[in-house]
PDB file of N, CA and C in Angstrom:
ATOM      1  N   UNK A   1     130.980  37.308 114.607  1.00  0.00           N
ATOM      2  CA  UNK A   1     131.909  37.540 115.686  1.00  0.00           C
ATOM      3  C   UNK A   1     131.176  37.733 117.013  1.00  0.00           C
ATOM      4  N   UNK A   2     130.155  38.584 117.025  1.00  0.00           N
ATOM      5  CA  UNK A   2     129.419  38.836 118.250  1.00  0.00           C
ATOM      6  C   UNK A   2     128.097  38.089 118.303  1.00  0.00           C
ATOM      7  N   UNK A   3     127.798  37.305 117.281  1.00  0.00           N
ATOM      8  CA  UNK A   3     126.557  36.540 117.314  1.00  0.00           C
ATOM      9  C   UNK A   3     125.363  37.423 117.043  1.00  0.00           C
ATOM     10  N   UNK A   4     124.319  37.227 117.788  1.00  0.00           N
ATOM     11  CA  UNK A   4     123.039  37.908 117.600  1.00  0.00           C
ATOM     12  C   UNK A   4     123.043  39.280 118.273  1.00  0.00           C
ATOM     13  N   UNK A   5     123.398  40.319 117.493  1.00  0.00           N
ATOM     14  CA  UNK A   5     123.490  41.682 118.025  1.00  0.00           C
ATOM     15  C   UNK A   5     122.127  42.162 118.524  1.00  0.00           C
ATOM     16  N   UNK A   6     121.067  41.904 117.778  1.00  0.00           N
ATOM     17  CA  UNK A   6     119.743  42.377 118.211  1.00  0.00           C
ATOM     18  C   UNK A   6     119.307  41.659 119.496  1.00  0.00           C
ATOM     19  N   UNK A   7     119.696  40.397 119.626  1.00  0.00           N
ATOM     20  CA  UNK A   7     119.394  39.671 120.863  1.00  0.00           C
ATOM     21  C   UNK A   7     120.126  40.270 122.048  1.00  0.00           C
ATOM     22  N   UNK A   8     121.387  40.642 121.821  1.00  0.00           N
ATOM     23  CA  UNK A   8     122.162  41.267 122.906  1.00  0.00           C
ATOM     24  C   UNK A   8     121.576  42.630 123.267  1.00  0.00           C
ATOM     25  N   UNK A   9     121.165  43.393 122.260  1.00  0.00           N
ATOM     26  CA  UNK A   9     120.576  44.706 122.534  1.00  0.00           C
ATOM     27  C   UNK A   9     119.288  44.552 123.330  1.00  0.00           C
ATOM     28  N   UNK A  10     118.497  43.526 122.990  1.00  0.00           N
ATOM     29  CA  UNK A  10     117.274  43.257 123.734  1.00  0.00           C
ATOM     30  C   UNK A  10     117.574  42.907 125.186  1.00  0.00           C
ATOM     31  N   UNK A  11     118.629  42.116 125.395  1.00  0.00           N
ATOM     32  CA  UNK A  11     119.003  41.759 126.764  1.00  0.00           C
ATOM     33  C   UNK A  11     119.506  42.972 127.538  1.00  0.00           C
ATOM     34  N   UNK A  12     120.224  43.853 126.857  1.00  0.00           N
ATOM     35  CA  UNK A  12     120.683  45.069 127.522  1.00  0.00           C
ATOM     36  C   UNK A  12     119.508  45.953 127.928  1.00  0.00           C
ATOM     37  N   UNK A  13     118.501  46.047 127.076  1.00  0.00           N
ATOM     38  CA  UNK A  13     117.302  46.817 127.417  1.00  0.00           C
ATOM     39  C   UNK A  13     116.573  46.172 128.588  1.00  0.00           C
ATOM     40  N   UNK A  14     116.521  44.839 128.597  1.00  0.00           N
ATOM     41  CA  UNK A  14     115.909  44.131 129.728  1.00  0.00           C
ATOM     42  C   UNK A  14     116.675  44.408 131.017  1.00  0.00           C
ATOM     43  N   UNK A  15     118.002  44.421 130.919  1.00  0.00           N
ATOM     44  CA  UNK A  15     118.827  44.703 132.099  1.00  0.00           C
ATOM     45  C   UNK A  15     118.558  46.112 132.611  1.00  0.00           C
ATOM     46  N   UNK A  16     118.459  47.058 131.697  1.00  0.00           N
ATOM     47  CA  UNK A  16     118.181  48.439 132.091  1.00  0.00           C
ATOM     48  C   UNK A  16     116.808  48.533 132.762  1.00  0.00           C
ATOM     49  N   UNK A  17     115.832  47.817 132.228  1.00  0.00           N
ATOM     50  CA  UNK A  17     114.490  47.816 132.807  1.00  0.00           C
ATOM     51  C   UNK A  17     114.517  47.212 134.211  1.00  0.00           C
ATOM     52  N   UNK A  18     115.267  46.119 134.389  1.00  0.00           N
ATOM     53  CA  UNK A  18     115.364  45.491 135.717  1.00  0.00           C
ATOM     54  C   UNK A  18     116.029  46.421 136.714  1.00  0.00           C
ATOM     55  N   UNK A  19     117.044  47.144 136.289  1.00  0.00           N
ATOM     56  CA  UNK A  19     117.718  48.097 137.171  1.00  0.00           C
ATOM     57  C   UNK A  19     116.744  49.195 137.595  1.00  0.00           C
ATOM     58  N   UNK A  20     115.976  49.728 136.661  1.00  0.00           N
ATOM     59  CA  UNK A  20     115.006  50.772 136.982  1.00  0.00           C
ATOM     60  C   UNK A  20     113.919  50.240 137.925  1.00  0.00           C
ATOM     61  N   UNK A  21     113.436  49.019 137.689  1.00  0.00           N
ATOM     62  CA  UNK A  21     112.441  48.412 138.570  1.00  0.00           C
ATOM     63  C   UNK A  21     113.011  48.215 139.967  1.00  0.00           C
ATOM     64  N   UNK A  22     114.266  47.820 140.040  1.00  0.00           N
ATOM     65  CA  UNK A  22     114.914  47.616 141.337  1.00  0.00           C
ATOM     66  C   UNK A  22     115.045  48.934 142.075  1.00  0.00           C
ATOM     67  N   UNK A  23     115.409  50.007 141.370  1.00  0.00           N
ATOM     68  CA  UNK A  23     115.504  51.327 142.002  1.00  0.00           C
ATOM     69  C   UNK A  23     114.172  51.724 142.628  1.00  0.00           C
ATOM     70  N   UNK A  24     113.084  51.516 141.883  1.00  0.00           N
ATOM     71  CA  UNK A  24     111.756  51.849 142.405  1.00  0.00           C
ATOM     72  C   UNK A  24     111.417  50.983 143.617  1.00  0.00           C
ATOM     73  N   UNK A  25     111.721  49.691 143.530  1.00  0.00           N
ATOM     74  CA  UNK A  25     111.410  48.778 144.631  1.00  0.00           C
ATOM     75  C   UNK A  25     112.194  49.155 145.876  1.00  0.00           C
ATOM     76  N   UNK A  26     113.438  49.590 145.722  1.00  0.00           N
ATOM     77  CA  UNK A  26     114.269  49.955 146.863  1.00  0.00           C
ATOM     78  C   UNK A  26     113.754  51.195 147.593  1.00  0.00           C
ATOM     79  N   UNK A  27     112.891  51.974 146.952  1.00  0.00           N
ATOM     80  CA  UNK A  27     112.247  53.095 147.638  1.00  0.00           C
ATOM     81  C   UNK A  27     111.295  52.599 148.726  1.00  0.00           C
ATOM     82  N   UNK A  28     110.840  51.357 148.603  1.00  0.00           N
ATOM     83  CA  UNK A  28     109.902  50.822 149.599  1.00  0.00           C
ATOM     84  C   UNK A  28     110.583  49.904 150.618  1.00  0.00           C
ATOM     85  N   UNK A  29     111.870  49.651 150.437  1.00  0.00           N
ATOM     86  CA  UNK A  29     112.615  48.836 151.401  1.00  0.00           C
ATOM     87  C   UNK A  29     113.126  49.777 152.492  1.00  0.00           C
ATOM     88  N   UNK A  30     112.627  49.563 153.718  1.00  0.00           N
ATOM     89  CA  UNK A  30     113.001  50.446 154.815  1.00  0.00           C
ATOM     90  C   UNK A  30     114.094  49.824 155.673  1.00  0.00           C
ATOM     91  N   UNK A  31     115.029  50.662 156.076  1.00  0.00           N
ATOM     92  CA  UNK A  31     116.146  50.262 156.924  1.00  0.00           C
ATOM     93  C   UNK A  31     116.025  51.040 158.226  1.00  0.00           C
ATOM     94  N   UNK A  32     115.983  50.313 159.345  1.00  0.00           N
ATOM     95  CA  UNK A  32     115.940  50.951 160.660  1.00  0.00           C
ATOM     96  C   UNK A  32     117.292  50.802 161.335  1.00  0.00           C
ATOM     97  N   UNK A  33     117.707  51.857 162.005  1.00  0.00           N
ATOM     98  CA  UNK A  33     118.942  51.809 162.775  1.00  0.00           C
ATOM     99  C   UNK A  33     118.716  52.576 164.071  1.00  0.00           C
ATOM    100  N   UNK A  34     119.209  52.017 165.163  1.00  0.00           N
ATOM    101  CA  UNK A  34     119.098  52.645 166.479  1.00  0.00           C
ATOM    102  C   UNK A  34     120.482  52.961 167.007  1.00  0.00           C
ATOM    103  N   UNK A  35     120.547  54.010 167.838  1.00  0.00           N
ATOM    104  CA  UNK A  35     121.783  54.259 168.561  1.00  0.00           C
ATOM    105  C   UNK A  35     121.978  53.118 169.554  1.00  0.00           C
ATOM    106  N   UNK A  36     123.172  52.984 170.074  1.00  0.00           N
ATOM    107  CA  UNK A  36     123.472  51.837 170.943  1.00  0.00           C
ATOM    108  C   UNK A  36     122.580  51.786 172.169  1.00  0.00           C
ATOM    109  N   UNK A  37     122.135  52.927 172.658  1.00  0.00           N
ATOM    110  CA  UNK A  37     121.256  52.935 173.833  1.00  0.00           C
ATOM    111  C   UNK A  37     119.799  53.246 173.466  1.00  0.00           C
ATOM    112  N   UNK A  38     119.484  53.166 172.183  1.00  0.00           N
ATOM    113  CA  UNK A  38     118.121  53.355 171.659  1.00  0.00           C
ATOM    114  C   UNK A  38     117.551  54.748 171.913  1.00  0.00           C
ATOM    115  N   UNK A  39     118.402  55.741 172.050  1.00  0.00           N
ATOM    116  CA  UNK A  39     117.900  57.097 172.246  1.00  0.00           C
ATOM    117  C   UNK A  39     117.544  57.768 170.922  1.00  0.00           C
ATOM    118  N   UNK A  40     118.062  57.225 169.830  1.00  0.00           N
ATOM    119  CA  UNK A  40     117.729  57.732 168.495  1.00  0.00           C
ATOM    120  C   UNK A  40     117.411  56.550 167.600  1.00  0.00           C
ATOM    121  N   UNK A  41     116.350  56.698 166.812  1.00  0.00           N
ATOM    122  CA  UNK A  41     115.997  55.696 165.808  1.00  0.00           C
ATOM    123  C   UNK A  41     115.869  56.426 164.474  1.00  0.00           C
ATOM    124  N   UNK A  42     116.512  55.868 163.453  1.00  0.00           N
ATOM    125  CA  UNK A  42     116.482  56.446 162.115  1.00  0.00           C
ATOM    126  C   UNK A  42     115.904  55.404 161.162  1.00  0.00           C
ATOM    127  N   UNK A  43     115.005  55.853 160.297  1.00  0.00           N
ATOM    128  CA  UNK A  43     114.456  54.991 159.257  1.00  0.00           C
ATOM    129  C   UNK A  43     114.719  55.655 157.918  1.00  0.00           C
ATOM    130  N   UNK A  44     115.300  54.890 156.988  1.00  0.00           N
ATOM    131  CA  UNK A  44     115.516  55.392 155.644  1.00  0.00           C
ATOM    132  C   UNK A  44     115.267  54.281 154.644  1.00  0.00           C
ATOM    133  N   UNK A  45     115.137  54.659 153.380  1.00  0.00           N
ATOM    134  CA  UNK A  45     114.935  53.668 152.331  1.00  0.00           C
ATOM    135  C   UNK A  45     116.283  53.098 151.921  1.00  0.00           C
ATOM    136  N   UNK A  46     116.243  51.992 151.205  1.00  0.00           N
ATOM    137  CA  UNK A  46     117.479  51.407 150.682  1.00  0.00           C
ATOM    138  C   UNK A  46     118.105  52.314 149.618  1.00  0.00           C
ATOM    139  N   UNK A  47     117.356  53.304 149.147  1.00  0.00           N
ATOM    140  CA  UNK A  47     117.911  54.326 148.250  1.00  0.00           C
ATOM    141  C   UNK A  47     118.444  55.522 149.033  1.00  0.00           C
ATOM    142  N   UNK A  48     118.564  55.363 150.352  1.00  0.00           N
ATOM    143  CA  UNK A  48     119.192  56.326 151.237  1.00  0.00           C
ATOM    144  C   UNK A  48     118.423  57.637 151.379  1.00  0.00           C
ATOM    145  N   UNK A  49     117.106  57.548 151.374  1.00  0.00           N
ATOM    146  CA  UNK A  49     116.255  58.703 151.643  1.00  0.00           C
ATOM    147  C   UNK A  49     115.721  58.580 153.064  1.00  0.00           C
ATOM    148  N   UNK A  50     115.974  59.582 153.891  1.00  0.00           N
ATOM    149  CA  UNK A  50     115.530  59.537 155.288  1.00  0.00           C
ATOM    150  C   UNK A  50     114.010  59.668 155.333  1.00  0.00           C
ATOM    151  N   UNK A  51     113.380  58.758 156.067  1.00  0.00           N
ATOM    152  CA  UNK A  51     111.932  58.759 156.211  1.00  0.00           C
ATOM    153  C   UNK A  51     111.492  59.203 157.598  1.00  0.00           C
ATOM    154  N   UNK A  52     112.279  58.877 158.632  1.00  0.00           N
ATOM    155  CA  UNK A  52     111.882  59.244 159.990  1.00  0.00           C
ATOM    156  C   UNK A  52     113.097  59.269 160.906  1.00  0.00           C
ATOM    157  N   UNK A  53     113.026  60.169 161.891  1.00  0.00           N
ATOM    158  CA  UNK A  53     114.020  60.228 162.959  1.00  0.00           C
ATOM    159  C   UNK A  53     113.245  60.399 164.260  1.00  0.00           C
ATOM    160  N   UNK A  54     113.494  59.503 165.207  1.00  0.00           N
ATOM    161  CA  UNK A  54     112.867  59.585 166.517  1.00  0.00           C
ATOM    162  C   UNK A  54     113.971  59.869 167.538  1.00  0.00           C
ATOM    163  N   UNK A  55     113.748  60.901 168.356  1.00  0.00           N
ATOM    164  CA  UNK A  55     114.758  61.335 169.316  1.00  0.00           C
ATOM    165  C   UNK A  55     114.180  61.277 170.724  1.00  0.00           C
ATOM    166  N   UNK A  56     114.909  60.619 171.626  1.00  0.00           N
ATOM    167  CA  UNK A  56     114.523  60.569 173.031  1.00  0.00           C
ATOM    168  C   UNK A  56     114.605  61.981 173.616  1.00  0.00           C
ATOM    169  N   UNK A  57     113.633  62.345 174.430  1.00  0.00           N
ATOM    170  CA  UNK A  57     113.581  63.687 175.020  1.00  0.00           C
ATOM    171  C   UNK A  57     114.836  64.052 175.803  1.00  0.00           C
ATOM    172  N   UNK A  58     115.510  63.067 176.384  1.00  0.00           N
ATOM    173  CA  UNK A  58     116.704  63.356 177.188  1.00  0.00           C
ATOM    174  C   UNK A  58     117.827  63.975 176.365  1.00  0.00           C
ATOM    175  N   UNK A  59     117.804  63.776 175.051  1.00  0.00           N
ATOM    176  CA  UNK A  59     118.852  64.339 174.196  1.00  0.00           C
ATOM    177  C   UNK A  59     118.575  65.786 173.788  1.00  0.00           C
ATOM    178  N   UNK A  60     117.383  66.270 174.058  1.00  0.00           N
ATOM    179  CA  UNK A  60     117.013  67.612 173.613  1.00  0.00           C
ATOM    180  C   UNK A  60     117.640  68.711 174.474  1.00  0.00           C
ATOM    181  N   UNK A  61     118.239  68.350 175.587  1.00  0.00           N
ATOM    182  CA  UNK A  61     118.845  69.336 176.487  1.00  0.00           C
ATOM    183  C   UNK A  61     120.264  69.716 176.056  1.00  0.00           C
ATOM    184  N   UNK A  62     120.911  68.852 175.261  1.00  0.00           N
ATOM    185  CA  UNK A  62     122.323  69.057 174.924  1.00  0.00           C
ATOM    186  C   UNK A  62     122.496  68.928 173.408  1.00  0.00           C
ATOM    187  N   UNK A  63     122.609  70.053 172.735  1.00  0.00           N
ATOM    188  CA  UNK A  63     122.693  70.064 171.273  1.00  0.00           C
ATOM    189  C   UNK A  63     123.898  69.290 170.760  1.00  0.00           C
ATOM    190  N   UNK A  64     125.032  69.422 171.423  1.00  0.00           N
ATOM    191  CA  UNK A  64     126.250  68.740 170.965  1.00  0.00           C
ATOM    192  C   UNK A  64     126.098  67.217 171.063  1.00  0.00           C
ATOM    193  N   UNK A  65     125.528  66.752 172.164  1.00  0.00           N
ATOM    194  CA  UNK A  65     125.296  65.310 172.322  1.00  0.00           C
ATOM    195  C   UNK A  65     124.311  64.811 171.263  1.00  0.00           C
ATOM    196  N   UNK A  66     123.265  65.578 171.025  1.00  0.00           N
ATOM    197  CA  UNK A  66     122.273  65.209 170.012  1.00  0.00           C
ATOM    198  C   UNK A  66     122.923  65.119 168.635  1.00  0.00           C
ATOM    199  N   UNK A  67     123.754  66.073 168.297  1.00  0.00           N
ATOM    200  CA  UNK A  67     124.445  66.051 167.007  1.00  0.00           C
ATOM    201  C   UNK A  67     125.320  64.815 166.876  1.00  0.00           C
ATOM    202  N   UNK A  68     126.044  64.481 167.930  1.00  0.00           N
ATOM    203  CA  UNK A  68     126.900  63.287 167.907  1.00  0.00           C
ATOM    204  C   UNK A  68     126.068  62.023 167.675  1.00  0.00           C
ATOM    205  N   UNK A  69     124.976  61.907 168.403  1.00  0.00           N
ATOM    206  CA  UNK A  69     124.095  60.747 168.248  1.00  0.00           C
ATOM    207  C   UNK A  69     123.556  60.661 166.821  1.00  0.00           C
ATOM    208  N   UNK A  70     123.108  61.797 166.302  1.00  0.00           N
ATOM    209  CA  UNK A  70     122.556  61.805 164.941  1.00  0.00           C
ATOM    210  C   UNK A  70     123.601  61.392 163.913  1.00  0.00           C
ATOM    211  N   UNK A  71     124.779  61.936 164.027  1.00  0.00           N
ATOM    212  CA  UNK A  71     125.839  61.619 163.060  1.00  0.00           C
ATOM    213  C   UNK A  71     126.156  60.127 163.081  1.00  0.00           C
ATOM    214  N   UNK A  72     126.373  59.594 164.275  1.00  0.00           N
ATOM    215  CA  UNK A  72     126.715  58.163 164.384  1.00  0.00           C
ATOM    216  C   UNK A  72     125.599  57.265 163.858  1.00  0.00           C
ATOM    217  N   UNK A  73     124.374  57.555 164.264  1.00  0.00           N
ATOM    218  CA  UNK A  73     123.254  56.696 163.881  1.00  0.00           C
ATOM    219  C   UNK A  73     122.944  56.824 162.395  1.00  0.00           C
ATOM    220  N   UNK A  74     122.968  58.031 161.869  1.00  0.00           N
ATOM    221  CA  UNK A  74     122.720  58.215 160.433  1.00  0.00           C
ATOM    222  C   UNK A  74     123.800  57.539 159.595  1.00  0.00           C
ATOM    223  N   UNK A  75     125.055  57.655 160.000  1.00  0.00           N
ATOM    224  CA  UNK A  75     126.125  57.004 159.242  1.00  0.00           C
ATOM    225  C   UNK A  75     125.962  55.489 159.227  1.00  0.00           C
ATOM    226  N   UNK A  76     125.577  54.899 160.361  1.00  0.00           N
ATOM    227  CA  UNK A  76     125.341  53.451 160.402  1.00  0.00           C
ATOM    228  C   UNK A  76     124.170  53.071 159.505  1.00  0.00           C
ATOM    229  N   UNK A  77     123.105  53.860 159.538  1.00  0.00           N
ATOM    230  CA  UNK A  77     121.928  53.566 158.713  1.00  0.00           C
ATOM    231  C   UNK A  77     122.251  53.699 157.230  1.00  0.00           C
ATOM    232  N   UNK A  78     122.986  54.731 156.870  1.00  0.00           N
ATOM    233  CA  UNK A  78     123.351  54.935 155.462  1.00  0.00           C
ATOM    234  C   UNK A  78     124.245  53.805 154.968  1.00  0.00           C
ATOM    235  N   UNK A  79     125.181  53.368 155.796  1.00  0.00           N
ATOM    236  CA  UNK A  79     126.049  52.251 155.405  1.00  0.00           C
ATOM    237  C   UNK A  79     125.234  50.979 155.175  1.00  0.00           C
ATOM    238  N   UNK A  80     124.280  50.717 156.049  1.00  0.00           N
ATOM    239  CA  UNK A  80     123.438  49.524 155.914  1.00  0.00           C
ATOM    240  C   UNK A  80     122.580  49.614 154.645  1.00  0.00           C
ATOM    241  N   UNK A  81     121.973  50.779 154.410  1.00  0.00           N
ATOM    242  CA  UNK A  81     121.147  50.979 153.218  1.00  0.00           C
ATOM    243  C   UNK A  81     121.986  50.882 151.950  1.00  0.00           C
ATOM    244  N   UNK A  82     123.192  51.414 151.986  1.00  0.00           N
ATOM    245  CA  UNK A  82     124.080  51.356 150.816  1.00  0.00           C
ATOM    246  C   UNK A  82     124.436  49.921 150.462  1.00  0.00           C
ATOM    247  N   UNK A  83     124.694  49.103 151.467  1.00  0.00           N
ATOM    248  CA  UNK A  83     125.023  47.700 151.222  1.00  0.00           C
ATOM    249  C   UNK A  83     123.855  46.973 150.560  1.00  0.00           C
ATOM    250  N   UNK A  84     122.645  47.205 151.063  1.00  0.00           N
ATOM    251  CA  UNK A  84     121.454  46.591 150.471  1.00  0.00           C
ATOM    252  C   UNK A  84     121.296  47.072 149.037  1.00  0.00           C
ATOM    253  N   UNK A  85     121.429  48.376 148.828  1.00  0.00           N
ATOM    254  CA  UNK A  85     121.278  48.959 147.502  1.00  0.00           C
ATOM    255  C   UNK A  85     122.283  48.369 146.521  1.00  0.00           C
ATOM    256  N   UNK A  86     123.547  48.318 146.906  1.00  0.00           N
ATOM    257  CA  UNK A  86     124.588  47.807 146.013  1.00  0.00           C
ATOM    258  C   UNK A  86     124.354  46.336 145.666  1.00  0.00           C
ATOM    259  N   UNK A  87     123.987  45.540 146.651  1.00  0.00           N
ATOM    260  CA  UNK A  87     123.722  44.121 146.393  1.00  0.00           C
ATOM    261  C   UNK A  87     122.556  43.937 145.432  1.00  0.00           C
ATOM    262  N   UNK A  88     121.460  44.640 145.681  1.00  0.00           N
ATOM    263  CA  UNK A  88     120.270  44.504 144.837  1.00  0.00           C
ATOM    264  C   UNK A  88     120.511  45.006 143.417  1.00  0.00           C
ATOM    265  N   UNK A  89     121.231  46.117 143.289  1.00  0.00           N
ATOM    266  CA  UNK A  89     121.497  46.662 141.961  1.00  0.00           C
ATOM    267  C   UNK A  89     122.438  45.747 141.180  1.00  0.00           C
ATOM    268  N   UNK A  90     123.409  45.147 141.842  1.00  0.00           N
ATOM    269  CA  UNK A  90     124.317  44.218 141.168  1.00  0.00           C
ATOM    270  C   UNK A  90     123.555  42.992 140.667  1.00  0.00           C
ATOM    271  N   UNK A  91     122.645  42.487 141.488  1.00  0.00           N
ATOM    272  CA  UNK A  91     121.834  41.332 141.080  1.00  0.00           C
ATOM    273  C   UNK A  91     120.971  41.696 139.875  1.00  0.00           C
ATOM    274  N   UNK A  92     120.338  42.873 139.924  1.00  0.00           N
ATOM    275  CA  UNK A  92     119.481  43.303 138.818  1.00  0.00           C
ATOM    276  C   UNK A  92     120.279  43.479 137.533  1.00  0.00           C
ATOM    277  N   UNK A  93     121.426  44.099 137.627  1.00  0.00           N
ATOM    278  CA  UNK A  93     122.246  44.342 136.437  1.00  0.00           C
ATOM    279  C   UNK A  93     122.778  43.037 135.860  1.00  0.00           C
ATOM    280  N   UNK A  94     123.228  42.161 136.736  1.00  0.00           N
ATOM    281  CA  UNK A  94     123.813  40.905 136.278  1.00  0.00           C
ATOM    282  C   UNK A  94     122.773  39.999 135.638  1.00  0.00           C
ATOM    283  N   UNK A  95     121.564  39.979 136.190  1.00  0.00           N
ATOM    284  CA  UNK A  95     120.543  39.058 135.692  1.00  0.00           C
ATOM    285  C   UNK A  95     120.118  39.367 134.264  1.00  0.00           C
ATOM    286  N   UNK A  96     120.258  40.612 133.845  1.00  0.00           N
ATOM    287  CA  UNK A  96     119.816  40.950 132.500  1.00  0.00           C
ATOM    288  C   UNK A  96     120.921  41.139 131.492  1.00  0.00           C
ATOM    289  N   UNK A  97     122.148  41.000 131.912  1.00  0.00           N
ATOM    290  CA  UNK A  97     123.266  41.230 130.991  1.00  0.00           C
ATOM    291  C   UNK A  97     123.451  40.050 130.037  1.00  0.00           C
ATOM    292  N   UNK A  98     123.680  40.351 128.765  1.00  0.00           N
ATOM    293  CA  UNK A  98     123.961  39.267 127.821  1.00  0.00           C
ATOM    294  C   UNK A  98     125.335  38.674 128.105  1.00  0.00           C
ATOM    295  N   UNK A  99     125.516  37.446 127.696  1.00  0.00           N
ATOM    296  CA  UNK A  99     126.802  36.781 127.884  1.00  0.00           C
ATOM    297  C   UNK A  99     127.716  37.158 126.723  1.00  0.00           C
ATOM    298  N   UNK A 100     128.631  38.082 126.978  1.00  0.00           N
ATOM    299  CA  UNK A 100     129.573  38.522 125.957  1.00  0.00           C
ATOM    300  C   UNK A 100     130.921  37.917 126.308  1.00  0.00           C
ATOM    301  N   UNK A 101     131.453  37.056 125.445  1.00  0.00           N
ATOM    302  CA  UNK A 101     132.731  36.410 125.754  1.00  0.00           C
ATOM    303  C   UNK A 101     133.831  37.429 126.066  1.00  0.00           C
ATOM    304  N   UNK A 102     134.567  37.161 127.139  1.00  0.00           N
ATOM    305  CA  UNK A 102     135.677  38.019 127.525  1.00  0.00           C
ATOM    306  C   UNK A 102     135.281  39.214 128.363  1.00  0.00           C
ATOM    307  N   UNK A 103     134.002  39.357 128.631  1.00  0.00           N
ATOM    308  CA  UNK A 103     133.537  40.515 129.427  1.00  0.00           C
ATOM    309  C   UNK A 103     132.860  40.017 130.701  1.00  0.00           C
ATOM    310  N   UNK A 104     133.625  39.456 131.587  1.00  0.00           N
ATOM    311  CA  UNK A 104     133.108  38.977 132.861  1.00  0.00           C
ATOM    312  C   UNK A 104     133.130  40.133 133.855  1.00  0.00           C
ATOM    313  N   UNK A 105     132.134  41.042 133.734  1.00  0.00           N
ATOM    314  CA  UNK A 105     132.109  42.252 134.548  1.00  0.00           C
ATOM    315  C   UNK A 105     131.637  41.987 135.970  1.00  0.00           C
ATOM    316  N   UNK A 106     130.893  40.916 136.196  1.00  0.00           N
ATOM    317  CA  UNK A 106     130.282  40.686 137.489  1.00  0.00           C
ATOM    318  C   UNK A 106     130.730  39.361 138.085  1.00  0.00           C
ATOM    319  N   UNK A 107     131.975  39.234 138.370  1.00  0.00           N
ATOM    320  CA  UNK A 107     132.463  37.997 138.972  1.00  0.00           C
ATOM    321  C   UNK A 107     132.203  38.000 140.437  1.00  0.00           C
TER     322      UNK A 107
END
């Protein structure tokens, strides 16, 4: 009915290994995002770990303005990193999945 069960299990293990390798690789993929006027630059990994924040000195005088800039720029950077992460993880998972009839999980 299901064909080669051990072959499918091997493919599932391969898929899991590819997902883990992709997670590690995404730690080295850096995403940069700048505020619209380049007063803040944020760098994070595709796994959404912040690596650096650069702040223009002009923003240090007004805490509320600085907070607004940080929130906007970090949210844009996280969204960009999340998109990269989701795409890469889907590719990794799909490439190692066995072909099980009726289970088209990754259309």
